[in-house]
Structures are given as structure tokens and as C-alpha cells.
PDB file of N, CA and C in Angstrom:
ATOM      1  N   UNK A   1       0.881  -1.172   0.074  1.00  0.00           N
ATOM      2  CA  UNK A   1      -0.120   0.032   0.047  1.00  0.00           C
ATOM      3  C   UNK A   1       0.869   1.311  -0.132  1.00  0.00           C
ATOM      4  N   UNK A   2       1.946   1.212   0.846  1.00  0.00           N
ATOM      5  CA  UNK A   2       2.874   2.415   0.950  1.00  0.00           C
ATOM      6  C   UNK A   2       3.477   2.687  -0.538  1.00  0.00           C
ATOM      7  N   UNK A   3       4.002   1.692  -1.012  1.00  0.00           N
ATOM      8  CA  UNK A   3       4.554   1.846  -2.551  1.00  0.00           C
ATOM      9  C   UNK A   3       3.482   2.363  -3.473  1.00  0.00           C
ATOM     10  N   UNK A   4       2.242   2.062  -3.331  1.00  0.00           N
ATOM     11  CA  UNK A   4       1.329   2.578  -4.479  1.00  0.00           C
ATOM     12  C   UNK A   4       1.142   4.186  -3.970  1.00  0.00           C
ATOM     13  N   UNK A   5       1.019   4.339  -2.760  1.00  0.00           N
ATOM     14  CA  UNK A   5       0.816   6.045  -2.330  1.00  0.00           C
ATOM     15  C   UNK A   5       2.036   6.842  -2.922  1.00  0.00           C
ATOM     16  N   UNK A   6       3.283   6.112  -2.793  1.00  0.00           N
ATOM     17  CA  UNK A   6       4.442   6.852  -3.185  1.00  0.00           C
ATOM     18  C   UNK A   6       4.510   6.928  -4.920  1.00  0.00           C
ATOM     19  N   UNK A   7       3.960   5.987  -5.445  1.00  0.00           N
ATOM     20  CA  UNK A   7       4.072   6.053  -7.031  1.00  0.00           C
ATOM     21  C   UNK A   7       2.851   7.004  -7.340  1.00  0.00           C
ATOM     22  N   UNK A   8       1.817   7.249  -6.684  1.00  0.00           N
ATOM     23  CA  UNK A   8       0.838   8.292  -6.777  1.00  0.00           C
ATOM     24  C   UNK A   8       1.301   9.606  -6.529  1.00  0.00           C
ATOM     25  N   UNK A   9       1.974   9.789  -5.524  1.00  0.00           N
ATOM     26  CA  UNK A   9       2.598  11.123  -5.299  1.00  0.00           C
ATOM     27  C   UNK A   9       3.664  11.662  -6.404  1.00  0.00           C
ATOM     28  N   UNK A  10       4.488  10.628  -6.893  1.00  0.00           N
ATOM     29  CA  UNK A  10       5.436  10.959  -7.961  1.00  0.00           C
ATOM     30  C   UNK A  10       4.689  11.167  -9.078  1.00  0.00           C
ATOM     31  N   UNK A  11       3.754  10.529  -9.534  1.00  0.00           N
ATOM     32  CA  UNK A  11       3.003  10.856 -10.790  1.00  0.00           C
ATOM     33  C   UNK A  11       2.088  12.294 -10.718  1.00  0.00           C
ATOM     34  N   UNK A  12       1.716  12.548  -9.473  1.00  0.00           N
ATOM     35  CA  UNK A  12       1.007  13.809  -9.301  1.00  0.00           C
ATOM     36  C   UNK A  12       2.273  15.036  -9.321  1.00  0.00           C
ATOM     37  N   UNK A  13       3.218  14.793  -8.989  1.00  0.00           N
ATOM     38  CA  UNK A  13       4.326  15.921  -8.862  1.00  0.00           C
ATOM     39  C   UNK A  13       4.846  15.993 -10.539  1.00  0.00           C
ATOM     40  N   UNK A  14       5.094  14.818 -10.933  1.00  0.00           N
ATOM     41  CA  UNK A  14       5.392  14.993 -12.359  1.00  0.00           C
ATOM     42  C   UNK A  14       4.417  15.532 -13.315  1.00  0.00           C
ATOM     43  N   UNK A  15       3.129  15.294 -13.100  1.00  0.00           N
ATOM     44  CA  UNK A  15       2.244  16.061 -13.943  1.00  0.00           C
ATOM     45  C   UNK A  15       2.126  17.717 -13.654  1.00  0.00           C
ATOM     46  N   UNK A  16       2.187  17.852 -12.264  1.00  0.00           N
ATOM     47  CA  UNK A  16       2.210  19.333 -12.016  1.00  0.00           C
ATOM     48  C   UNK A  16       3.453  20.008 -12.598  1.00  0.00           C
ATOM     49  N   UNK A  17       4.609  19.408 -12.435  1.00  0.00           N
ATOM     50  CA  UNK A  17       5.749  20.072 -13.059  1.00  0.00           C
ATOM     51  C   UNK A  17       5.535  20.093 -14.543  1.00  0.00           C
ATOM     52  N   UNK A  18       5.087  19.135 -15.183  1.00  0.00           N
ATOM     53  CA  UNK A  18       4.906  19.184 -16.679  1.00  0.00           C
ATOM     54  C   UNK A  18       4.107  20.274 -17.246  1.00  0.00           C
ATOM     55  N   UNK A  19       3.183  20.614 -16.198  1.00  0.00           N
ATOM     56  CA  UNK A  19       2.271  21.718 -16.679  1.00  0.00           C
ATOM     57  C   UNK A  19       3.079  23.112 -16.604  1.00  0.00           C
ATOM     58  N   UNK A  20       4.058  23.135 -15.504  1.00  0.00           N
ATOM     59  CA  UNK A  20       4.902  24.363 -15.563  1.00  0.00           C
ATOM     60  C   UNK A  20       6.017  24.450 -16.545  1.00  0.00           C
ATOM     61  N   UNK A  21       6.792  23.398 -16.473  1.00  0.00           N
ATOM     62  CA  UNK A  21       8.022  23.249 -17.120  1.00  0.00           C
ATOM     63  C   UNK A  21       7.623  22.830 -18.699  1.00  0.00           C
ATOM     64  N   UNK A  22       6.743  21.983 -19.022  1.00  0.00           N
ATOM     65  CA  UNK A  22       6.590  21.364 -20.229  1.00  0.00           C
ATOM     66  C   UNK A  22       7.539  20.270 -20.687  1.00  0.00           C
ATOM     67  N   UNK A  23       7.028  19.399 -21.534  1.00  0.00           N
ATOM     68  CA  UNK A  23       7.828  18.201 -21.722  1.00  0.00           C
ATOM     69  C   UNK A  23       8.193  18.382 -23.203  1.00  0.00           C
ATOM     70  N   UNK A  24       7.893  19.300 -23.966  1.00  0.00           N
ATOM     71  CA  UNK A  24       7.913  19.372 -25.539  1.00  0.00           C
ATOM     72  C   UNK A  24       9.470  19.491 -25.855  1.00  0.00           C
ATOM     73  N   UNK A  25      10.033  18.930 -26.897  1.00  0.00           N
ATOM     74  CA  UNK A  25      11.467  18.907 -27.125  1.00  0.00           C
ATOM     75  C   UNK A  25      11.745  20.315 -28.039  1.00  0.00           C
ATOM     76  N   UNK A  26      10.642  21.013 -28.401  1.00  0.00           N
ATOM     77  CA  UNK A  26      10.964  22.262 -29.075  1.00  0.00           C
ATOM     78  C   UNK A  26       9.944  23.347 -28.603  1.00  0.00           C
ATOM     79  N   UNK A  27      10.348  24.550 -28.593  1.00  0.00           N
ATOM     80  CA  UNK A  27       9.339  25.472 -28.044  1.00  0.00           C
ATOM     81  C   UNK A  27       8.193  25.610 -29.171  1.00  0.00           C
ATOM     82  N   UNK A  28       7.174  26.006 -28.605  1.00  0.00           N
ATOM     83  CA  UNK A  28       6.019  26.336 -29.460  1.00  0.00           C
ATOM     84  C   UNK A  28       6.279  27.435 -30.480  1.00  0.00           C
ATOM     85  N   UNK A  29       5.960  27.301 -31.841  1.00  0.00           N
ATOM     86  CA  UNK A  29       6.143  28.348 -32.732  1.00  0.00           C
ATOM     87  C   UNK A  29       4.897  29.352 -32.510  1.00  0.00           C
ATOM     88  N   UNK A  30       5.108  30.694 -32.986  1.00  0.00           N
ATOM     89  CA  UNK A  30       4.097  31.477 -32.951  1.00  0.00           C
ATOM     90  C   UNK A  30       3.406  31.301 -34.381  1.00  0.00           C
ATOM     91  N   UNK A  31       2.036  31.864 -34.384  1.00  0.00           N
ATOM     92  CA  UNK A  31       1.486  31.757 -35.712  1.00  0.00           C
ATOM     93  C   UNK A  31       2.120  32.703 -36.569  1.00  0.00           C
ATOM     94  N   UNK A  32       2.214  32.396 -38.019  1.00  0.00           N
ATOM     95  CA  UNK A  32       2.777  33.401 -38.907  1.00  0.00           C
ATOM     96  C   UNK A  32       1.883  34.672 -38.848  1.00  0.00           C
ATOM     97  N   UNK A  33       2.361  35.896 -39.044  1.00  0.00           N
ATOM     98  CA  UNK A  33       1.715  37.173 -38.991  1.00  0.00           C
ATOM     99  C   UNK A  33       0.591  36.809 -40.126  1.00  0.00           C
ATOM    100  N   UNK A  34      -0.684  37.212 -39.384  1.00  0.00           N
ATOM    101  CA  UNK A  34      -2.004  37.059 -40.322  1.00  0.00           C
ATOM    102  C   UNK A  34      -2.453  35.827 -40.787  1.00  0.00           C
ATOM    103  N   UNK A  35      -1.836  34.664 -40.355  1.00  0.00           N
ATOM    104  CA  UNK A  35      -2.020  33.378 -40.661  1.00  0.00           C
ATOM    105  C   UNK A  35      -3.183  32.637 -39.720  1.00  0.00           C
ATOM    106  N   UNK A  36      -3.890  31.863 -40.398  1.00  0.00           N
ATOM    107  CA  UNK A  36      -4.752  30.983 -39.571  1.00  0.00           C
ATOM    108  C   UNK A  36      -4.473  29.717 -39.687  1.00  0.00           C
ATOM    109  N   UNK A  37      -4.336  28.926 -38.685  1.00  0.00           N
ATOM    110  CA  UNK A  37      -3.887  27.533 -38.710  1.00  0.00           C
ATOM    111  C   UNK A  37      -5.424  26.837 -39.108  1.00  0.00           C
ATOM    112  N   UNK A  38      -5.247  26.151 -40.125  1.00  0.00           N
ATOM    113  CA  UNK A  38      -6.456  25.346 -40.668  1.00  0.00           C
ATOM    114  C   UNK A  38      -6.613  23.943 -40.109  1.00  0.00           C
ATOM    115  N   UNK A  39      -5.348  23.263 -40.357  1.00  0.00           N
ATOM    116  CA  UNK A  39      -5.574  21.663 -39.924  1.00  0.00           C
ATOM    117  C   UNK A  39      -3.910  21.430 -39.824  1.00  0.00           C
ATOM    118  N   UNK A  40      -3.818  19.954 -39.362  1.00  0.00           N
ATOM    119  CA  UNK A  40      -2.518  19.391 -39.364  1.00  0.00           C
ATOM    120  C   UNK A  40      -2.584  18.133 -39.954  1.00  0.00           C
ATOM    121  N   UNK A  41      -1.638  17.729 -40.843  1.00  0.00           N
ATOM    122  CA  UNK A  41      -1.627  16.652 -41.659  1.00  0.00           C
ATOM    123  C   UNK A  41      -0.388  15.870 -41.510  1.00  0.00           C
ATOM    124  N   UNK A  42      -0.369  14.622 -41.735  1.00  0.00           N
ATOM    125  CA  UNK A  42       0.830  13.689 -41.779  1.00  0.00           C
ATOM    126  C   UNK A  42       1.594  13.505 -43.127  1.00  0.00           C
ATOM    127  N   UNK A  43       0.727  14.128 -44.137  1.00  0.00           N
ATOM    128  CA  UNK A  43       1.262  13.862 -45.477  1.00  0.00           C
ATOM    129  C   UNK A  43       1.226  15.369 -46.006  1.00  0.00           C
ATOM    130  N   UNK A  44       2.470  15.555 -46.583  1.00  0.00           N
ATOM    131  CA  UNK A  44       2.667  16.907 -47.292  1.00  0.00           C
ATOM    132  C   UNK A  44       1.859  17.161 -48.463  1.00  0.00           C
ATOM    133  N   UNK A  45       1.878  16.095 -49.233  1.00  0.00           N
ATOM    134  CA  UNK A  45       1.173  16.298 -50.643  1.00  0.00           C
ATOM    135  C   UNK A  45      -0.310  16.687 -50.250  1.00  0.00           C
ATOM    136  N   UNK A  46      -1.000  16.036 -49.311  1.00  0.00           N
ATOM    137  CA  UNK A  46      -2.393  16.208 -49.138  1.00  0.00           C
ATOM    138  C   UNK A  46      -2.407  17.600 -48.360  1.00  0.00           C
ATOM    139  N   UNK A  47      -1.399  18.106 -47.756  1.00  0.00           N
ATOM    140  CA  UNK A  47      -1.445  19.380 -47.084  1.00  0.00           C
ATOM    141  C   UNK A  47      -1.371  20.596 -48.349  1.00  0.00           C
ATOM    142  N   UNK A  48      -0.866  20.295 -49.228  1.00  0.00           N
ATOM    143  CA  UNK A  48      -0.603  21.098 -50.460  1.00  0.00           C
ATOM    144  C   UNK A  48      -1.775  21.041 -51.219  1.00  0.00           C
ATOM    145  N   UNK A  49      -2.535  19.911 -51.497  1.00  0.00           N
ATOM    146  CA  UNK A  49      -3.666  19.763 -52.263  1.00  0.00           C
ATOM    147  C   UNK A  49      -4.638  20.460 -51.546  1.00  0.00           C
ATOM    148  N   UNK A  50      -4.868  20.370 -50.283  1.00  0.00           N
ATOM    149  CA  UNK A  50      -6.014  21.054 -49.628  1.00  0.00           C
ATOM    150  C   UNK A  50      -5.857  22.581 -49.678  1.00  0.00           C
ATOM    151  N   UNK A  51      -4.468  22.783 -49.514  1.00  0.00           N
ATOM    152  CA  UNK A  51      -4.255  24.371 -49.472  1.00  0.00           C
ATOM    153  C   UNK A  51      -4.695  25.034 -50.799  1.00  0.00           C
ATOM    154  N   UNK A  52      -4.100  24.519 -51.883  1.00  0.00           N
ATOM    155  CA  UNK A  52      -4.282  24.788 -53.301  1.00  0.00           C
ATOM    156  C   UNK A  52      -5.715  24.934 -53.627  1.00  0.00           C
ATOM    157  N   UNK A  53      -6.577  23.665 -53.052  1.00  0.00           N
ATOM    158  CA  UNK A  53      -7.915  23.979 -53.201  1.00  0.00           C
ATOM    159  C   UNK A  53      -8.670  24.994 -52.646  1.00  0.00           C
ATOM    160  N   UNK A  54      -8.250  25.254 -51.381  1.00  0.00           N
ATOM    161  CA  UNK A  54      -8.668  26.600 -50.635  1.00  0.00           C
ATOM    162  C   UNK A  54      -8.557  27.790 -51.507  1.00  0.00           C
ATOM    163  N   UNK A  55      -7.311  28.010 -52.197  1.00  0.00           N
ATOM    164  CA  UNK A  55      -7.112  28.999 -52.937  1.00  0.00           C
ATOM    165  C   UNK A  55      -8.184  29.204 -54.295  1.00  0.00           C
ATOM    166  N   UNK A  56      -8.082  27.971 -54.873  1.00  0.00           N
ATOM    167  CA  UNK A  56      -8.914  27.906 -56.034  1.00  0.00           C
ATOM    168  C   UNK A  56     -10.270  28.216 -55.805  1.00  0.00           C
ATOM    169  N   UNK A  57     -10.927  27.951 -54.638  1.00  0.00           N
ATOM    170  CA  UNK A  57     -12.363  28.126 -54.349  1.00  0.00           C
ATOM    171  C   UNK A  57     -12.569  29.240 -53.680  1.00  0.00           C
ATOM    172  N   UNK A  58     -11.392  30.143 -53.409  1.00  0.00           N
ATOM    173  CA  UNK A  58     -11.730  31.430 -52.712  1.00  0.00           C
ATOM    174  C   UNK A  58     -11.870  31.555 -51.297  1.00  0.00           C
ATOM    175  N   UNK A  59     -11.619  30.379 -50.516  1.00  0.00           N
ATOM    176  CA  UNK A  59     -11.551  30.457 -49.310  1.00  0.00           C
ATOM    177  C   UNK A  59     -10.508  31.213 -48.683  1.00  0.00           C
ATOM    178  N   UNK A  60      -9.344  31.191 -49.182  1.00  0.00           N
ATOM    179  CA  UNK A  60      -8.213  32.192 -48.679  1.00  0.00           C
ATOM    180  C   UNK A  60      -7.315  32.533 -49.940  1.00  0.00           C
ATOM    181  N   UNK A  61      -6.682  33.559 -49.911  1.00  0.00           N
ATOM    182  CA  UNK A  61      -5.853  33.975 -51.079  1.00  0.00           C
ATOM    183  C   UNK A  61      -4.485  33.203 -51.262  1.00  0.00           C
ATOM    184  N   UNK A  62      -3.850  32.836 -50.199  1.00  0.00           N
ATOM    185  CA  UNK A  62      -2.637  32.047 -50.070  1.00  0.00           C
ATOM    186  C   UNK A  62      -2.570  31.053 -48.979  1.00  0.00           C
ATOM    187  N   UNK A  63      -1.572  30.099 -49.164  1.00  0.00           N
ATOM    188  CA  UNK A  63      -1.478  29.119 -48.209  1.00  0.00           C
ATOM    189  C   UNK A  63       0.017  28.806 -47.750  1.00  0.00           C
ATOM    190  N   UNK A  64       0.414  28.234 -46.764  1.00  0.00           N
ATOM    191  CA  UNK A  64       1.672  27.703 -46.526  1.00  0.00           C
ATOM    192  C   UNK A  64       1.471  26.418 -45.713  1.00  0.00           C
ATOM    193  N   UNK A  65       2.156  25.525 -46.130  1.00  0.00           N
ATOM    194  CA  UNK A  65       2.328  24.019 -45.361  1.00  0.00           C
ATOM    195  C   UNK A  65       3.698  24.027 -44.692  1.00  0.00           C
ATOM    196  N   UNK A  66       3.783  24.166 -43.361  1.00  0.00           N
ATOM    197  CA  UNK A  66       4.917  24.278 -42.500  1.00  0.00           C
ATOM    198  C   UNK A  66       5.120  22.770 -41.835  1.00  0.00           C
ATOM    199  N   UNK A  67       6.479  22.177 -42.258  1.00  0.00           N
ATOM    200  CA  UNK A  67       6.849  20.934 -41.603  1.00  0.00           C
ATOM    201  C   UNK A  67       7.148  20.950 -40.290  1.00  0.00           C
ATOM    202  N   UNK A  68       7.187  20.382 -39.280  1.00  0.00           N
ATOM    203  CA  UNK A  68       7.599  20.462 -37.866  1.00  0.00           C
ATOM    204  C   UNK A  68       7.813  19.057 -37.401  1.00  0.00           C
ATOM    205  N   UNK A  69       8.928  18.687 -36.886  1.00  0.00           N
ATOM    206  CA  UNK A  69       9.153  17.260 -36.322  1.00  0.00           C
ATOM    207  C   UNK A  69       9.793  17.597 -34.910  1.00  0.00           C
ATOM    208  N   UNK A  70       9.074  17.098 -33.842  1.00  0.00           N
ATOM    209  CA  UNK A  70       9.548  17.556 -32.363  1.00  0.00           C
ATOM    210  C   UNK A  70      10.385  16.319 -31.989  1.00  0.00           C
ATOM    211  N   UNK A  71      11.646  16.038 -32.194  1.00  0.00           N
ATOM    212  CA  UNK A  71      12.540  15.224 -31.825  1.00  0.00           C
ATOM    213  C   UNK A  71      12.858  14.304 -32.982  1.00  0.00           C
ATOM    214  N   UNK A  72      14.245  13.637 -32.916  1.00  0.00           N
ATOM    215  CA  UNK A  72      14.895  12.828 -33.985  1.00  0.00           C
ATOM    216  C   UNK A  72      14.154  11.708 -34.470  1.00  0.00           C
ATOM    217  N   UNK A  73      13.303  11.112 -33.522  1.00  0.00           N
ATOM    218  CA  UNK A  73      12.654   9.871 -33.766  1.00  0.00           C
ATOM    219  C   UNK A  73      11.090  10.023 -33.808  1.00  0.00           C
ATOM    220  N   UNK A  74      10.695  11.415 -33.717  1.00  0.00           N
ATOM    221  CA  UNK A  74       9.300  11.560 -33.691  1.00  0.00           C
ATOM    222  C   UNK A  74       8.738  11.803 -35.114  1.00  0.00           C
ATOM    223  N   UNK A  75       7.508  11.482 -35.407  1.00  0.00           N
ATOM    224  CA  UNK A  75       7.004  11.431 -36.882  1.00  0.00           C
ATOM    225  C   UNK A  75       6.780  13.219 -37.019  1.00  0.00           C
ATOM    226  N   UNK A  76       6.781  13.559 -38.274  1.00  0.00           N
ATOM    227  CA  UNK A  76       6.694  14.900 -38.694  1.00  0.00           C
ATOM    228  C   UNK A  76       5.478  15.381 -39.086  1.00  0.00           C
ATOM    229  N   UNK A  77       4.820  16.345 -38.985  1.00  0.00           N
ATOM    230  CA  UNK A  77       3.404  16.779 -39.269  1.00  0.00           C
ATOM    231  C   UNK A  77       3.372  18.155 -40.157  1.00  0.00           C
ATOM    232  N   UNK A  78       2.525  18.448 -40.989  1.00  0.00           N
ATOM    233  CA  UNK A  78       2.490  19.507 -41.755  1.00  0.00           C
ATOM    234  C   UNK A  78       1.494  20.327 -41.344  1.00  0.00           C
ATOM    235  N   UNK A  79       1.559  21.653 -41.004  1.00  0.00           N
ATOM    236  CA  UNK A  79       0.629  22.454 -40.649  1.00  0.00           C
ATOM    237  C   UNK A  79       0.053  23.437 -41.734  1.00  0.00           C
ATOM    238  N   UNK A  80      -1.134  23.453 -42.062  1.00  0.00           N
ATOM    239  CA  UNK A  80      -1.706  24.183 -42.958  1.00  0.00           C
ATOM    240  C   UNK A  80      -1.917  25.611 -42.451  1.00  0.00           C
ATOM    241  N   UNK A  81      -1.394  26.584 -43.033  1.00  0.00           N
ATOM    242  CA  UNK A  81      -1.648  27.871 -42.442  1.00  0.00           C
ATOM    243  C   UNK A  81      -2.280  28.708 -43.887  1.00  0.00           C
ATOM    244  N   UNK A  82      -3.432  29.233 -43.471  1.00  0.00           N
ATOM    245  CA  UNK A  82      -3.960  30.140 -44.729  1.00  0.00           C
ATOM    246  C   UNK A  82      -4.058  31.620 -44.257  1.00  0.00           C
ATOM    247  N   UNK A  83      -3.937  32.484 -45.367  1.00  0.00           N
ATOM    248  CA  UNK A  83      -4.015  33.904 -45.331  1.00  0.00           C
ATOM    249  C   UNK A  83      -5.058  34.439 -46.409  1.00  0.00           C
ATOM    250  N   UNK A  84      -5.724  35.632 -45.994  1.00  0.00           N
ATOM    251  CA  UNK A  84      -6.666  36.134 -46.433  1.00  0.00           C
ATOM    252  C   UNK A  84      -6.214  37.451 -47.314  1.00  0.00           C
ATOM    253  N   UNK A  85      -4.989  37.853 -47.185  1.00  0.00           N
ATOM    254  CA  UNK A  85      -4.644  38.882 -47.865  1.00  0.00           C
ATOM    255  C   UNK A  85      -3.132  38.650 -48.523  1.00  0.00           C
TER     256      UNK A  85
END
């Protein structure tokens, strides 16, 4: 029983510190000026396809697919940013 309480305490402290310090490998990037995050994809071709479709249909005037990888062994993701001007 005592070991279980100790594990619970350690877990609670780790979660509390995680909220203050953070566990991410890279700092959060700021939004591009004037940009709106539309979605996050695992495939760059799909990100660009959806971005160009938005331009073609007039949903936004331009777009940017930003690739981010948070760690050497972590999967990368494509962030679709749209701009209206």
C-alpha cells in the first residue's frame, strides 16, 4: 500500500511540473503574422492539395504548409496555414 501511495505522489508531482515546465522538445512556434491554422496533416502532398483547393475556391488567397518534427525519432507533421490577404 505504501509503495502505491508513493507512486501516486510521484505521478502527481510529475504532472504538476509538466504543466509548469513542459515536456516538449521544441518551443511552440508563433502563428505566422496574419495566418490562420487550418489543420495538421501527416502527409505533405495532401496538405498542399487542400491548401491549393482553398485558394482555387476562394476560401483564402494563399497558404503555407509548414513541416515540424519534434524530436529525432518523432513523426513529422504538416501545418496548413492560410492567409486572406
